[in-house]
Amino acid sequence: MARLKPETICLIGRFHVWLWKLTGGKLGDAFGTLPFMMLTTRGRKTGRKRTTPVLYLQNGPDFIVVASFGGNDMHPAWYLNLERYPEAEAMINGERRSLIAHKVFPEQKHLIWPRLVKLYPNFAIYQQRTRRDIPLLRLSEPA
């Protein structure tokens, strides 16, 4: 499988959001058995809200998201946005949630990573393709 260019990944994401909005959320919450959320972040440069489909792993009350960007050597914009503004909103199974992003540290990542690869084996391929260590974020409800 060839690596997709960042522009192609962004285009697929925009189409996914468009389809989700068009169907009132009936399509786009999952891809096969893979769970997706519609993650809305605040743009780090513009301040505008940006919505992106993101695969997630339920981890207790939290959600783990992977900034893989298809194994490209740059971080996805949604990840950079959350680094600057950690407050986010997500639509998960038709439910709107306010969430706060927290970095997953290496000692936690090594416990979670195998579960992510089991959920979506391409994550392992993406990690092999890139020079960066693919970061994980834990999205939690505010205290």
Protein backbone atom coordinates (compact mmCIF):
# COMPACT_ATOMS: atom_id res chain seq x y z
CA MET A 1 0.00 0.00 0.00
CA ALA A 2 1.45 3.34 -1.07
CA ARG A 3 1.59 6.31 1.28
CA LEU A 4 -1.12 8.87 0.59
CA LYS A 5 -0.06 12.47 0.18
CA PRO A 6 -1.18 14.88 2.93
CA GLU A 7 -3.41 16.71 0.44
CA THR A 8 -5.18 13.45 -0.44
CA ILE A 9 -5.71 12.58 3.23
CA CYS A 10 -7.20 16.04 3.83
CA LEU A 11 -9.48 15.68 0.80
CA ILE A 12 -10.73 12.29 2.01
CA GLY A 13 -11.35 13.80 5.45
CA ARG A 14 -13.37 16.68 3.97
CA PHE A 15 -15.44 14.23 1.94
CA HIS A 16 -16.03 12.11 5.06
CA VAL A 17 -17.26 15.17 7.01
CA TRP A 18 -19.45 16.26 4.06
CA LEU A 19 -21.04 12.79 3.84
CA TRP A 20 -21.58 12.73 7.60
CA LYS A 21 -23.27 16.16 7.54
CA LEU A 22 -25.31 15.31 4.44
CA THR A 23 -26.77 12.20 6.08
CA GLY A 24 -27.33 13.82 9.46
CA GLY A 25 -24.66 11.60 11.00
CA LYS A 26 -26.15 8.35 9.69
CA LEU A 27 -22.99 7.70 7.64
CA GLY A 28 -19.51 8.43 8.89
CA ASP A 29 -19.61 7.34 12.55
CA ALA A 30 -17.86 4.12 11.58
CA PHE A 31 -15.99 2.59 8.69
CA GLY A 32 -16.82 -1.09 8.78
CA THR A 33 -16.21 -1.96 12.41
CA LEU A 34 -13.82 0.96 13.02
CA PRO A 35 -15.24 3.69 15.26
CA PHE A 36 -14.86 7.29 14.14
CA MET A 37 -15.63 10.55 15.88
CA MET A 38 -16.13 13.90 14.26
CA LEU A 39 -13.52 15.93 16.11
CA THR A 40 -13.86 19.71 16.08
CA THR A 41 -10.81 21.73 17.04
CA ARG A 42 -9.95 25.42 17.03
CA GLY A 43 -7.49 26.33 14.27
CA ARG A 44 -4.14 27.32 15.75
CA LYS A 45 -3.61 30.00 13.08
CA THR A 46 -7.14 31.15 12.20
CA GLY A 47 -9.06 30.38 15.38
CA ARG A 48 -11.82 28.89 13.21
CA LYS A 49 -13.49 25.61 14.06
CA ARG A 50 -12.27 22.66 12.01
CA THR A 51 -13.98 19.24 11.93
CA THR A 52 -12.06 16.08 11.08
CA PRO A 53 -13.05 12.41 11.17
CA VAL A 54 -10.72 10.59 13.56
CA LEU A 55 -10.58 6.91 14.42
CA TYR A 56 -10.63 6.36 18.18
CA LEU A 57 -10.13 3.68 20.80
CA GLN A 58 -12.40 3.75 23.83
CA ASN A 59 -10.22 3.56 26.95
CA GLY A 60 -12.49 3.60 29.99
CA PRO A 61 -14.29 6.95 29.95
CA ASP A 62 -11.63 8.44 27.64
CA PHE A 63 -10.93 8.26 23.92
CA ILE A 64 -7.48 7.64 22.46
CA VAL A 65 -6.75 9.19 19.06
CA VAL A 66 -3.70 8.61 16.87
CA ALA A 67 -1.97 11.44 14.97
CA SER A 68 -0.72 9.04 12.29
CA PHE A 69 -1.51 11.13 9.18
CA GLY A 70 -1.08 8.02 7.06
CA GLY A 71 2.58 7.65 8.05
CA ASN A 72 3.60 11.04 6.66
CA ASP A 73 6.50 12.85 8.31
CA MET A 74 4.35 15.73 9.52
CA HIS A 75 1.68 15.90 12.19
CA PRO A 76 -1.95 16.31 11.10
CA ALA A 77 -3.41 19.80 11.54
CA TRP A 78 -5.97 18.62 14.11
CA TYR A 79 -3.12 17.41 16.36
CA LEU A 80 -1.24 20.71 16.08
CA ASN A 81 -4.50 22.56 16.81
CA LEU A 82 -5.00 20.50 19.98
CA GLU A 83 -1.42 21.20 21.08
CA ARG A 84 -2.22 24.91 20.98
CA TYR A 85 -5.87 24.75 22.10
CA PRO A 86 -6.58 21.46 23.92
CA GLU A 87 -10.33 22.08 24.19
CA ALA A 88 -12.30 20.16 21.58
CA GLU A 89 -15.76 18.96 20.74
CA ALA A 90 -16.59 15.54 19.37
CA MET A 91 -19.66 13.88 17.94
CA ILE A 92 -19.56 10.23 18.95
CA ASN A 93 -22.46 7.97 18.02
CA GLY A 94 -24.72 10.99 17.66
CA GLU A 95 -23.75 12.44 21.05
CA ARG A 96 -21.94 15.80 21.32
CA ARG A 97 -19.16 15.87 23.93
CA SER A 98 -16.81 18.55 25.20
CA LEU A 99 -13.33 17.10 25.63
CA ILE A 100 -9.84 18.11 26.70
CA ALA A 101 -6.76 16.69 24.95
CA HIS A 102 -3.84 15.31 26.96
CA LYS A 103 -0.64 13.84 25.54
CA VAL A 104 -0.13 10.13 26.10
CA PHE A 105 3.39 9.70 27.48
CA PRO A 106 5.71 6.90 26.27
CA GLU A 107 5.19 4.73 29.35
CA GLN A 108 1.43 4.81 28.69
CA LYS A 109 1.76 4.55 24.91
CA HIS A 110 3.53 1.19 25.00
CA LEU A 111 0.50 -0.23 26.86
CA ILE A 112 -2.08 1.29 24.51
CA TRP A 113 -0.30 0.90 21.15
CA PRO A 114 -0.89 -2.88 20.79
CA ARG A 115 -4.64 -2.32 21.27
CA LEU A 116 -4.60 0.37 18.58
CA VAL A 117 -2.74 -1.89 16.14
CA LYS A 118 -5.22 -4.67 16.84
CA LEU A 119 -8.06 -2.23 16.10
CA TYR A 120 -6.39 -0.94 12.92
CA PRO A 121 -3.25 -2.84 11.80
CA ASN A 122 -2.22 -0.05 9.40
CA PHE A 123 -1.07 1.99 12.39
CA ALA A 124 1.98 -0.30 12.61
CA ILE A 125 2.69 0.29 8.90
CA TYR A 126 2.31 4.04 9.35
CA GLN A 127 4.82 4.03 12.22
CA GLN A 128 7.34 2.17 10.06
CA ARG A 129 6.94 4.72 7.24
CA THR A 130 7.69 7.83 9.23
CA ARG A 131 10.73 9.21 11.06
CA ARG A 132 8.55 10.70 13.78
CA ASP A 133 7.15 8.86 16.74
CA ILE A 134 3.41 8.92 16.08
CA PRO A 135 1.79 10.67 19.04
CA LEU A 136 -1.35 9.62 20.86
CA LEU A 137 -3.79 11.91 22.61
CA ARG A 138 -6.23 11.05 25.36
CA LEU A 139 -9.49 12.97 25.04
CA SER A 140 -11.26 13.30 28.39
CA GLU A 141 -14.33 15.09 29.62
CA PRO A 142 -13.45 18.22 31.64
CA ALA A 143 -13.28 17.72 35.40
